[in-house]
Every structure is written in C-alpha cells, then in structure tokens.
Amino acid sequence: MAQKVESNQASTSQETCECGLSIIAELMDENDEENIRVTIGEVNLIYRAGVNIGFGGFALIHHAYIPSERKCAALKISKRNGSIEAIRREAAILQYVNEAIDDDDRSHIIKLLVYKEMVDTHQRETLYLVMEFGGMNLRDYFNERIKKVRDEERIELTKIIRGEAIALEQFHKFGIHGDVKPENFVVLINQSLNSNVIDCKLIDFNYSVLTGQGIPDNLKHPIRRAEDISFVLNKAPEIGRDEVTEKADIWAFGVMVYQFMYDDQFNNVSEIYAKMKEYQLNSNYNGHLERVIKACTRENINERPFMFEILLFLNFEIEFFEYEMRLKNEKGHREEKRKEKRSHRFSSWLTCFGFCRRN
C-alpha cells in the first residue's frame, strides 16, 4: 500500500496547500516519519500521522494532499469491526450520488473521489474513503465567527442556516440523511458570489437511506430502529414507532437552529423533547428564525414543512408556513364564532328589552 509519491511541480519552502493547513515542502519530505504515503485505488496521496481534522463513532478523518493534482482531500479511515457496515453504506450512497445525480443537482453534497477496502499485515480489514476537502465544520465555523447570537449576528447566522438548508434540500430529492447536526456540514473554502448565504456541503452518510425509483435494495430500507441509533441526539420523536420520512431530518434541522440561537447543548433526547414542547407554547418567540424552529419541531410530522418550504421562508419568498396559516384561520374562525354568539346575545337582549318596555 505504501508508495513513494512525487509532486509534478516544485514548491517553495513555505508554500501551503490550497486549504492552508499544511506546508507542501513538509508534506513532501521523505525523511519525515510523520508523513504517510498511500495509494487508494489510483489516487496517490500523503497524510500526516496523528493529525486528524475530524472523528466520529466510525472513523478518523485526516487532511490529505494529492501531489499530482496539487489539491487537498479528506481521507476517512475505519478499522473498527463494528463500523465496517456503516462506512460501506456511506461509500455506496456517495457512489450512487456520483453516478446517478447530475453535478448541478448535488453541488452541495460532498463528493467521493475513491473508495477502497484493504487488509493490513495483521489481517485487519481497513476501509478508506477519499473525499473532496470541504473546510471546517459548521460547529467550529460558528464558534469561531459568531459564538453568541445578538441582533447583529442574526444576519450572519441566517446565512449559515440558508447554506445548510440548500444542502439538505438537495439531498432530500433522493434521500434521508438521518443525522443532521452542525458537525455534518462543512463550509466551502471557495464561497460563491451570493452574499446572502454561507455555502456549505453535507457530509457523513452512515445513517442515510435513498428514496425514489431505481434505488439499490441495500440503500432504501428504513432507517434502523430507535434502539440502534440511541446516540443520535437530534432524532425525531417518531423514530422507532412510525415509518421515517425526510420530516425526521426537518425535526433535527429545527433542533440545530435552536442550538445555534441559544447555545444550548442537550444531555439527552428527553431533554430536547421537553424543551421543544415548551418552546412551541411560548408566544414570545415569534421572530423569523424562531418561527423556523417552531415549524420544524412540530410533533405532528404532517405539520412540519418540507425543506424547500423552509428555504423559501428563509429567503422571504413566503410569509407563512402552512401550519401557521391553518392556526391563523382556525383562530379567525373561533373569533367569528365568538362574535356571532355576542351578536346573538345582544339581539336577544334588545328583543327582550323592547318587549318588556311595551308591557
């Protein structure tokens, strides 16, 4: 697996890679034992041992450099027996997206460059995913750029939320993510010219399923039972009792926006459910982002909006969510009923008053 890798172009001693995380000359130093050279499929790359840019329950993620292309990549390595199937699932989903979805329709979903399964000298199975490098995750980006949300920070936070909504809306056209949280969005190094959005990409598809026609059987079965995803903190209330739809992602999206707004970190799922129920009943929370939170965390999944509706609302293209219109109409109907009752009582009083005077 190990192989000598040479760059096609010389670099200055302090020139960094495109993302700025590493000095190219240091990565190309063959005498530096920290540099690990590997070939994954047909891709030759270098990464530094012990330097991780991310980790999760299934794998470590390294910053890697592809000398022949002078570009960065994210290298995901998994050696844990219990995580093999989850990583295989993620690879299969990303391979499907690569092959079946046009680039314009998946521009905010991380791209898989190559996937390989190998066996090391100890006969341990090791899985490698090489993906495009996306940048820092949204949790770190938020903590670095915003930290606390005051009035002036709401504009910047709304840009972040728009970026997440665009990415998730794209994936919902053919799948359910299953683990929506800030750590599973990465901020693009090269932002678009649209100043109203922070562009990001969706990552980590271990819990995802694909929907629609022509999906391979192994990728379209329902998300695993509630007891199997007990550590997914933002899981929706219906998981474990009903068929799960993209509305489960909508719930998690709302919880994520809440956490950004109030810097509130939950300890367990029950705490989230209680807090969201309390939030729904508080009429003081009626700003634009507060209404997104309330819409997403409706207990009735049919009252939660679809991702494209959330995006329209965030862009001020619609004024109300559908459930808000229903509640508004119901309130108006109740007011009309009360007016009719008052009018009827008043008419009865006038009739009685007139009759009594004549007598």
Protein backbone atom coordinates (compact mmCIF):
# COMPACT_ATOMS: atom_id res chain seq x y z
CA MET A 1 0.00 0.00 0.00
CA ALA A 2 2.80 2.41 0.89
CA GLN A 3 4.38 4.06 -2.10
CA LYS A 4 6.72 6.89 -2.93
CA VAL A 5 4.80 9.90 -4.21
CA GLU A 6 6.42 12.74 -6.11
CA SER A 7 5.00 16.12 -6.97
CA ASN A 8 4.89 17.20 -10.59
CA GLN A 9 5.72 20.76 -9.62
CA ALA A 10 8.27 22.25 -7.29
CA SER A 11 7.05 24.29 -4.36
CA THR A 12 8.64 27.00 -2.27
CA SER A 13 9.68 26.12 1.29
CA GLN A 14 6.72 27.92 2.86
CA GLU A 15 4.07 27.36 0.20
CA THR A 16 0.93 25.89 1.71
CA CYS A 17 -1.62 23.55 0.22
CA GLU A 18 -4.84 25.03 -1.18
CA CYS A 19 -6.67 24.86 2.17
CA GLY A 20 -3.72 26.35 4.09
CA LEU A 21 -3.48 23.55 6.67
CA SER A 22 -0.08 22.17 5.62
CA ILE A 23 3.21 23.37 4.16
CA ILE A 24 3.80 21.44 0.95
CA ALA A 25 7.57 21.10 1.44
CA GLU A 26 6.99 19.45 4.82
CA LEU A 27 4.48 17.02 3.32
CA MET A 28 6.93 16.11 0.56
CA ASP A 29 9.80 15.48 2.99
CA GLU A 30 10.55 11.77 2.60
CA ASN A 31 12.64 11.75 5.79
CA ASP A 32 9.75 12.91 7.96
CA GLU A 33 8.31 9.78 9.55
CA GLU A 34 5.04 11.58 10.26
CA ASN A 35 4.29 11.67 6.54
CA ILE A 36 2.41 8.59 5.35
CA ARG A 37 2.26 7.90 1.63
CA VAL A 38 -0.56 5.69 0.41
CA THR A 39 -2.27 4.69 -2.81
CA ILE A 40 -6.05 4.37 -2.65
CA GLY A 41 -7.30 2.99 -5.93
CA GLU A 42 -5.49 5.11 -8.49
CA VAL A 43 -5.02 8.10 -6.18
CA ASN A 44 -1.59 8.69 -4.61
CA LEU A 45 -1.72 10.87 -1.53
CA ILE A 46 0.12 11.93 1.60
CA TYR A 47 -1.23 12.49 5.11
CA ARG A 48 0.40 13.12 8.46
CA ALA A 49 0.00 10.54 11.21
CA GLY A 50 -1.73 11.79 14.33
CA VAL A 51 -3.13 14.89 12.64
CA ASN A 52 -6.90 14.50 12.46
CA ILE A 53 -9.38 17.02 11.10
CA GLY A 54 -12.38 15.07 12.35
CA PHE A 55 -13.55 11.93 14.05
CA GLY A 56 -16.76 10.15 14.87
CA GLY A 57 -18.15 6.88 16.06
CA PHE A 58 -16.97 5.12 12.92
CA ALA A 59 -13.70 6.60 11.64
CA LEU A 60 -10.86 9.09 11.84
CA ILE A 61 -10.62 11.78 9.17
CA HIS A 62 -7.23 13.09 8.04
CA HIS A 63 -6.24 16.03 5.91
CA ALA A 64 -4.58 14.53 2.84
CA TYR A 65 -2.67 16.00 -0.09
CA ILE A 66 -2.69 14.74 -3.69
CA PRO A 67 0.66 15.91 -5.16
CA SER A 68 -0.13 15.08 -8.79
CA GLU A 69 -3.15 17.41 -8.69
CA ARG A 70 -1.81 19.80 -6.05
CA LYS A 71 -5.09 19.64 -4.17
CA CYS A 72 -6.35 18.65 -0.75
CA ALA A 73 -8.67 15.80 0.17
CA ALA A 74 -10.34 14.36 3.24
CA LEU A 75 -9.20 10.81 4.00
CA LYS A 76 -11.60 8.78 6.13
CA ILE A 77 -10.09 5.62 7.65
CA SER A 78 -12.01 2.99 9.57
CA LYS A 79 -10.50 -0.10 11.21
CA ARG A 80 -13.24 -0.83 13.73
CA ASN A 81 -15.15 -4.04 13.13
CA GLY A 82 -18.43 -2.55 14.36
CA SER A 83 -18.23 0.33 11.91
CA ILE A 84 -17.47 -1.56 8.70
CA GLU A 85 -21.09 -1.79 7.53
CA ALA A 86 -21.78 1.88 8.31
CA ILE A 87 -18.75 3.01 6.28
CA ARG A 88 -19.68 0.69 3.42
CA ARG A 89 -23.13 2.21 3.47
CA GLU A 90 -21.77 5.74 3.26
CA ALA A 91 -19.47 4.77 0.39
CA ALA A 92 -22.33 3.09 -1.51
CA ILE A 93 -24.57 6.14 -1.10
CA LEU A 94 -21.87 8.54 -2.28
CA GLN A 95 -21.04 6.26 -5.21
CA TYR A 96 -24.72 6.24 -6.18
CA VAL A 97 -24.88 10.04 -5.97
CA ASN A 98 -21.72 10.30 -8.12
CA GLU A 99 -23.16 8.05 -10.81
CA ALA A 100 -26.88 8.86 -10.80
CA ILE A 101 -27.14 12.55 -9.89
CA ASP A 102 -26.08 15.44 -12.13
CA ASP A 103 -23.38 17.70 -10.72
CA ASP A 104 -25.72 20.70 -10.60
CA ASP A 105 -28.19 18.70 -8.50
CA ARG A 106 -25.59 17.59 -5.94
CA SER A 107 -23.36 20.67 -5.78
CA HIS A 108 -23.84 20.95 -2.01
CA ILE A 109 -23.20 17.29 -1.23
CA ILE A 110 -19.62 16.18 -0.57
CA LYS A 111 -18.07 14.23 -3.45
CA LEU A 112 -16.43 10.83 -3.11
CA LEU A 113 -13.17 10.63 -5.06
CA VAL A 114 -12.29 6.98 -4.41
CA TYR A 115 -13.21 4.13 -2.04
CA LYS A 116 -11.09 1.10 -1.22
CA GLU A 117 -11.17 -1.84 1.19
CA MET A 118 -7.83 -3.37 2.18
CA VAL A 119 -6.43 -5.92 4.61
CA ASP A 120 -3.33 -4.95 6.62
CA THR A 121 -0.43 -7.15 7.71
CA HIS A 122 -2.40 -8.20 10.82
CA GLN A 123 -5.32 -9.33 8.65
CA ARG A 124 -7.44 -6.42 9.86
CA GLU A 125 -9.92 -5.01 7.40
CA THR A 126 -9.40 -1.30 6.76
CA LEU A 127 -11.75 0.95 4.79
CA TYR A 128 -10.58 4.12 3.06
CA LEU A 129 -12.78 6.89 1.67
CA VAL A 130 -11.08 9.74 -0.17
CA MET A 131 -13.41 12.73 -0.46
CA GLU A 132 -13.12 16.29 -1.64
CA PHE A 133 -11.88 18.62 1.07
CA GLY A 134 -14.70 20.80 2.34
CA GLY A 135 -13.24 23.00 5.06
CA MET A 136 -14.16 23.36 8.74
CA ASN A 137 -17.46 22.03 10.02
CA LEU A 138 -20.25 24.45 10.86
CA ARG A 139 -19.94 23.92 14.60
CA ASP A 140 -16.33 25.18 14.52
CA TYR A 141 -17.17 27.90 12.00
CA PHE A 142 -19.98 29.19 14.20
CA ASN A 143 -17.85 29.14 17.36
CA GLU A 144 -15.02 30.95 15.59
CA ARG A 145 -17.08 33.59 13.77
CA ILE A 146 -20.19 34.20 15.86
CA LYS A 147 -20.17 32.46 19.28
CA LYS A 148 -23.12 34.38 20.72
CA VAL A 149 -26.18 35.44 18.72
CA ARG A 150 -27.13 39.06 19.27
CA ASP A 151 -29.16 41.18 16.88
CA GLU A 152 -26.22 41.95 14.59
CA GLU A 153 -25.18 38.27 14.49
CA ARG A 154 -28.62 37.10 13.35
CA ILE A 155 -27.86 38.15 9.78
CA GLU A 156 -24.71 36.00 9.72
CA LEU A 157 -26.50 33.09 11.40
CA THR A 158 -29.29 33.28 8.83
CA LYS A 159 -26.66 32.97 6.08
CA ILE A 160 -25.37 29.80 7.74
CA ILE A 161 -28.87 28.36 8.09
CA ARG A 162 -29.57 29.10 4.41
CA GLY A 163 -26.41 27.21 3.41
CA GLU A 164 -27.46 24.19 5.45
CA ALA A 165 -30.98 24.34 4.03
CA ILE A 166 -29.69 24.37 0.44
CA ALA A 167 -27.55 21.29 1.07
CA LEU A 168 -30.26 19.33 2.85
CA GLU A 169 -32.91 20.32 0.29
CA GLN A 170 -30.67 18.87 -2.43
CA PHE A 171 -30.25 15.56 -0.61
CA HIS A 172 -33.97 15.30 0.16
CA LYS A 173 -34.65 15.00 -3.57
CA PHE A 174 -33.30 11.45 -3.37
CA GLY A 175 -32.67 10.56 0.27
CA ILE A 176 -32.99 10.99 4.04
CA HIS A 177 -29.80 11.95 5.86
CA GLY A 178 -30.59 10.63 9.33
CA ASP A 179 -28.01 12.56 11.36
CA VAL A 180 -28.49 16.29 10.79
CA LYS A 181 -26.22 18.34 13.06
CA PRO A 182 -23.66 21.18 12.66
CA GLU A 183 -20.73 18.76 12.54
CA ASN A 184 -22.16 17.16 9.39
CA PHE A 185 -21.95 20.31 7.28
CA VAL A 186 -18.62 21.73 6.10
CA VAL A 187 -18.06 25.32 4.99
CA LEU A 188 -16.67 25.64 1.47
CA ILE A 189 -13.25 27.23 1.16
CA ASN A 190 -14.30 28.98 -2.05
CA GLN A 191 -17.58 30.77 -1.40
CA SER A 192 -19.99 31.82 -4.16
CA LEU A 193 -20.68 35.44 -5.03
CA ASN A 194 -24.05 35.25 -3.24
CA SER A 195 -23.52 37.35 -0.12
CA ASN A 196 -26.78 36.11 1.43
CA VAL A 197 -25.58 32.57 2.08
CA ILE A 198 -22.62 30.75 3.61
CA ASP A 199 -22.06 27.90 1.14
CA CYS A 200 -21.57 24.50 2.73
CA LYS A 201 -21.75 20.81 1.86
CA LEU A 202 -23.49 17.91 3.55
CA ILE A 203 -21.26 15.07 4.80
CA ASP A 204 -21.42 11.80 6.79
CA PHE A 205 -24.00 9.40 5.36
CA ASN A 206 -23.67 6.44 7.74
CA TYR A 207 -27.36 6.64 8.72
CA SER A 208 -28.72 7.75 5.36
CA VAL A 209 -31.21 5.99 3.11
CA LEU A 210 -32.08 6.65 -0.51
CA THR A 211 -35.63 7.09 -1.76
CA GLY A 212 -37.42 7.04 -5.10
CA GLN A 213 -37.26 4.73 -8.10
CA GLY A 214 -34.30 2.61 -9.18
CA ILE A 215 -32.57 2.64 -5.79
CA PRO A 216 -30.47 -0.43 -4.87
CA ASP A 217 -32.29 -2.56 -2.28
CA ASN A 218 -29.49 -2.30 0.27
CA LEU A 219 -29.78 1.52 0.30
CA LYS A 220 -33.53 2.03 0.51
CA HIS A 221 -34.53 0.03 3.57
CA PRO A 222 -35.86 2.06 6.54
CA ILE A 223 -33.51 3.73 8.96
CA ARG A 224 -32.51 1.39 11.77
CA ARG A 225 -34.68 1.04 14.86
CA ALA A 226 -34.60 3.63 17.64
CA GLU A 227 -32.50 1.46 19.95
CA ASP A 228 -29.84 1.21 17.24
CA ILE A 229 -29.47 4.98 16.92
CA SER A 230 -29.88 5.92 20.55
CA PHE A 231 -26.75 8.09 20.39
CA VAL A 232 -28.17 10.25 17.60
CA LEU A 233 -29.22 13.09 19.88
CA ASN A 234 -31.36 15.04 17.42
CA LYS A 235 -33.54 12.09 16.42
CA ALA A 236 -37.20 12.93 15.83
CA PRO A 237 -39.96 11.66 18.18
CA GLU A 238 -41.46 9.37 15.52
CA ILE A 239 -38.29 7.32 15.06
CA GLY A 240 -38.93 3.86 16.44
CA ARG A 241 -42.72 3.95 16.16
CA ASP A 242 -43.56 5.18 12.64
CA GLU A 243 -42.14 4.92 9.16
CA VAL A 244 -39.43 7.54 8.97
CA THR A 245 -39.50 10.19 6.24
CA GLU A 246 -37.47 13.29 5.45
CA LYS A 247 -39.56 15.03 8.14
CA ALA A 248 -37.22 13.39 10.69
CA ASP A 249 -34.40 15.46 9.18
CA ILE A 250 -36.63 18.53 9.43
CA TRP A 251 -37.02 17.98 13.18
CA ALA A 252 -33.24 17.68 13.60
CA PHE A 253 -32.76 20.81 11.46
CA GLY A 254 -35.01 22.75 13.85
CA VAL A 255 -33.13 21.50 16.90
CA MET A 256 -29.86 22.51 15.22
CA VAL A 257 -31.12 26.05 14.58
CA TYR A 258 -32.26 26.23 18.23
CA GLN A 259 -28.79 25.22 19.44
CA PHE A 260 -27.18 27.88 17.27
CA MET A 261 -29.62 30.52 18.53
CA TYR A 262 -29.35 29.82 22.23
CA ASP A 263 -26.01 27.99 22.59
CA ASP A 264 -27.95 25.25 24.37
CA GLN A 265 -26.32 21.81 24.46
CA PHE A 266 -28.62 18.96 25.46
CA ASN A 267 -27.70 15.91 27.51
CA ASN A 268 -30.35 13.51 26.25
CA VAL A 269 -33.26 13.13 23.86
CA SER A 270 -35.94 13.57 26.54
CA GLU A 271 -34.49 16.97 27.41
CA ILE A 272 -34.76 18.03 23.76
CA TYR A 273 -38.39 16.90 23.50
CA ALA A 274 -39.34 18.80 26.67
CA LYS A 275 -37.55 21.97 25.56
CA MET A 276 -39.13 21.92 22.08
CA LYS A 277 -42.61 21.43 23.58
CA GLU A 278 -42.07 24.37 25.91
CA TYR A 279 -40.75 26.47 23.01
CA GLN A 280 -43.85 25.74 20.90
CA LEU A 281 -46.11 27.15 23.62
CA ASN A 282 -44.16 30.37 24.19
CA SER A 283 -45.72 33.14 22.08
CA ASN A 284 -42.78 35.46 22.78
CA TYR A 285 -40.66 33.51 20.30
CA ASN A 286 -42.04 34.86 17.03
CA GLY A 287 -39.02 36.17 15.07
CA HIS A 288 -38.05 34.77 11.68
CA LEU A 289 -35.60 32.12 12.90
CA GLU A 290 -37.76 31.35 15.94
CA ARG A 291 -40.62 30.52 13.58
CA VAL A 292 -38.31 28.18 11.64
CA ILE A 293 -37.54 26.35 14.89
CA LYS A 294 -41.23 26.08 15.77
CA ALA A 295 -42.22 24.87 12.31
CA CYS A 296 -39.51 22.22 12.18
CA THR A 297 -40.20 20.82 15.64
CA ARG A 298 -43.95 20.30 15.36
CA GLU A 299 -44.73 16.92 16.94
CA ASN A 300 -47.17 16.13 14.13
CA ILE A 301 -44.92 15.31 11.17
CA ASN A 302 -47.60 16.48 8.72
CA GLU A 303 -47.33 19.99 10.16
CA ARG A 304 -43.57 20.19 9.61
CA PRO A 305 -42.63 21.93 6.35
CA PHE A 306 -40.56 20.35 3.61
CA MET A 307 -37.03 21.59 3.15
CA PHE A 308 -37.87 23.59 0.02
CA GLU A 309 -40.54 25.47 2.02
CA ILE A 310 -38.02 26.31 4.74
CA LEU A 311 -35.68 27.64 2.08
CA LEU A 312 -38.45 29.79 0.59
CA PHE A 313 -39.24 31.14 4.06
CA LEU A 314 -35.58 31.89 4.83
CA ASN A 315 -35.37 33.78 1.53
CA PHE A 316 -38.55 35.76 2.39
CA GLU A 317 -40.34 34.29 -0.63
CA ILE A 318 -43.24 33.06 1.51
CA GLU A 319 -44.64 34.81 4.58
CA PHE A 320 -46.16 31.89 6.48
CA PHE A 321 -45.69 28.17 6.90
CA GLU A 322 -48.73 26.06 6.07
CA TYR A 323 -49.39 25.10 9.69
CA GLU A 324 -49.24 28.79 10.67
CA MET A 325 -51.90 29.60 8.09
CA ARG A 326 -54.08 26.80 9.43
CA LEU A 327 -53.72 28.04 13.01
CA LYS A 328 -54.40 31.61 11.86
CA ASN A 329 -57.54 30.52 10.01
CA GLU A 330 -58.72 28.46 12.98
CA LYS A 331 -58.19 31.44 15.26
CA GLY A 332 -60.14 33.66 12.87
CA HIS A 333 -62.93 31.09 12.74
CA ARG A 334 -63.11 30.99 16.54
CA GLU A 335 -63.22 34.79 16.66
CA GLU A 336 -66.10 34.80 14.16
CA LYS A 337 -67.97 32.26 16.28
CA ARG A 338 -67.48 34.39 19.39
CA LYS A 339 -68.69 37.49 17.53
CA GLU A 340 -71.76 35.61 16.34
CA LYS A 341 -72.53 34.50 19.89
CA ARG A 342 -72.11 38.03 21.24
CA SER A 343 -74.26 39.41 18.44
CA HIS A 344 -76.93 36.79 19.12
CA ARG A 345 -76.94 37.61 22.85
CA PHE A 346 -77.18 41.33 22.10
CA SER A 347 -80.06 40.79 19.66
CA SER A 348 -81.83 38.65 22.24
CA TRP A 349 -81.32 41.35 24.85
CA LEU A 350 -82.71 44.04 22.52
CA THR A 351 -85.71 41.89 21.71
CA CYS A 352 -86.34 41.24 25.37
CA PHE A 353 -85.78 44.90 26.26
CA GLY A 354 -88.25 46.07 23.62
CA PHE A 355 -90.87 43.54 24.67
CA CYS A 356 -90.51 44.44 28.33
CA ARG A 357 -90.93 48.17 27.62
CA ARG A 358 -94.10 47.61 25.63
CA ASN A 359 -95.52 45.76 28.53
